[in-house]
Amino acid sequence: MIDRFDLHIDVPPVAYSDLDLPPSGDSSATVAVRVANARAVQAKRFAGHGDVALNADAEGALL
């Protein structure tokens, strides 16, 4: 039982008028620049740590 969770969430239907709104938020190009900057920060952080290139690769004391 511990390793299984069933989540049920009631989600109301979305009105067509809401789907027809102009896009909001950042463009893909803007997000891509932020991701590239974050990867550059990680590359500097983990320089000299072997195969560790991303936060997800870090383990143990390096965390």
C-alpha atoms as a PDB file:
ATOM      1  CA  MET A   1       0.000   0.000   0.000  1.00  0.00           C
ATOM      2  CA  ILE A   2       2.828   2.417   0.698  1.00  0.00           C
ATOM      3  CA  ASP A   3       4.121   2.406  -2.876  1.00  0.00           C
ATOM      4  CA  ARG A   4       0.787   3.203  -4.514  1.00  0.00           C
ATOM      5  CA  PHE A   5      -1.185   6.405  -4.498  1.00  0.00           C
ATOM      6  CA  ASP A   6      -4.301   7.022  -6.531  1.00  0.00           C
ATOM      7  CA  LEU A   7      -5.090  10.689  -6.948  1.00  0.00           C
ATOM      8  CA  HIS A   8      -8.442  11.850  -8.195  1.00  0.00           C
ATOM      9  CA  ILE A   9      -8.950  15.485  -9.087  1.00  0.00           C
ATOM     10  CA  ASP A  10     -12.192  16.923 -10.369  1.00  0.00           C
ATOM     11  CA  VAL A  11     -11.467  19.312 -13.213  1.00  0.00           C
ATOM     12  CA  PRO A  12     -14.279  21.460 -14.538  1.00  0.00           C
ATOM     13  CA  PRO A  13     -14.699  21.725 -18.306  1.00  0.00           C
ATOM     14  CA  VAL A  14     -12.919  24.603 -20.022  1.00  0.00           C
ATOM     15  CA  ALA A  15     -15.106  27.056 -21.886  1.00  0.00           C
ATOM     16  CA  TYR A  16     -14.354  27.524 -25.575  1.00  0.00           C
ATOM     17  CA  SER A  17     -14.012  31.262 -24.986  1.00  0.00           C
ATOM     18  CA  ASP A  18     -11.094  30.515 -22.636  1.00  0.00           C
ATOM     19  CA  LEU A  19      -9.419  28.306 -25.242  1.00  0.00           C
ATOM     20  CA  ASP A  20      -9.751  31.028 -27.852  1.00  0.00           C
ATOM     21  CA  LEU A  21      -7.800  33.645 -25.840  1.00  0.00           C
ATOM     22  CA  PRO A  22      -4.513  35.015 -27.183  1.00  0.00           C
ATOM     23  CA  PRO A  23      -1.418  33.188 -25.935  1.00  0.00           C
ATOM     24  CA  SER A  24       0.041  34.367 -22.648  1.00  0.00           C
ATOM     25  CA  GLY A  25       3.385  33.810 -20.990  1.00  0.00           C
ATOM     26  CA  ASP A  26       6.859  33.620 -22.431  1.00  0.00           C
ATOM     27  CA  SER A  27       7.672  32.509 -25.947  1.00  0.00           C
ATOM     28  CA  SER A  28       9.597  29.303 -26.554  1.00  0.00           C
ATOM     29  CA  ALA A  29      12.626  31.344 -27.613  1.00  0.00           C
ATOM     30  CA  THR A  30      12.618  33.257 -24.306  1.00  0.00           C
ATOM     31  CA  VAL A  31      12.365  30.043 -22.305  1.00  0.00           C
ATOM     32  CA  ALA A  32      15.153  28.483 -24.395  1.00  0.00           C
ATOM     33  CA  VAL A  33      17.462  31.384 -23.491  1.00  0.00           C
ATOM     34  CA  ARG A  34      16.689  30.927 -19.773  1.00  0.00           C
ATOM     35  CA  VAL A  35      17.388  27.191 -20.024  1.00  0.00           C
ATOM     36  CA  ALA A  36      20.695  27.820 -21.828  1.00  0.00           C
ATOM     37  CA  ASN A  37      21.715  30.314 -19.114  1.00  0.00           C
ATOM     38  CA  ALA A  38      20.836  27.840 -16.359  1.00  0.00           C
ATOM     39  CA  ARG A  39      22.863  25.110 -18.089  1.00  0.00           C
ATOM     40  CA  ALA A  40      25.843  27.482 -18.330  1.00  0.00           C
ATOM     41  CA  VAL A  41      25.636  28.174 -14.587  1.00  0.00           C
ATOM     42  CA  GLN A  42      25.563  24.431 -13.922  1.00  0.00           C
ATOM     43  CA  ALA A  43      28.534  23.842 -16.214  1.00  0.00           C
ATOM     44  CA  LYS A  44      30.568  26.382 -14.222  1.00  0.00           C
ATOM     45  CA  ARG A  45      29.387  24.908 -10.909  1.00  0.00           C
ATOM     46  CA  PHE A  46      30.397  21.368 -11.807  1.00  0.00           C
ATOM     47  CA  ALA A  47      33.603  22.138 -13.734  1.00  0.00           C
ATOM     48  CA  GLY A  48      36.265  19.720 -12.521  1.00  0.00           C
ATOM     49  CA  HIS A  49      33.782  17.206 -11.086  1.00  0.00           C
ATOM     50  CA  GLY A  50      34.177  14.494 -13.718  1.00  0.00           C
ATOM     51  CA  ASP A  51      30.982  13.347 -15.420  1.00  0.00           C
ATOM     52  CA  VAL A  52      28.755  15.668 -13.389  1.00  0.00           C
ATOM     53  CA  ALA A  53      27.279  18.279 -15.722  1.00  0.00           C
ATOM     54  CA  LEU A  54      23.790  18.906 -14.357  1.00  0.00           C
ATOM     55  CA  ASN A  55      22.182  19.176 -10.935  1.00  0.00           C
ATOM     56  CA  ALA A  56      20.496  15.820 -11.638  1.00  0.00           C
ATOM     57  CA  ASP A  57      23.929  14.180 -11.989  1.00  0.00           C
ATOM     58  CA  ALA A  58      25.178  15.364  -8.564  1.00  0.00           C
ATOM     59  CA  GLU A  59      25.175  12.889  -5.690  1.00  0.00           C
ATOM     60  CA  GLY A  60      26.278  12.617  -2.082  1.00  0.00           C
ATOM     61  CA  ALA A  61      28.563  15.285  -0.662  1.00  0.00           C
ATOM     62  CA  LEU A  62      28.491  17.252  -3.917  1.00  0.00           C
ATOM     63  CA  LEU A  63      24.845  18.039  -3.260  1.00  0.00           C
END
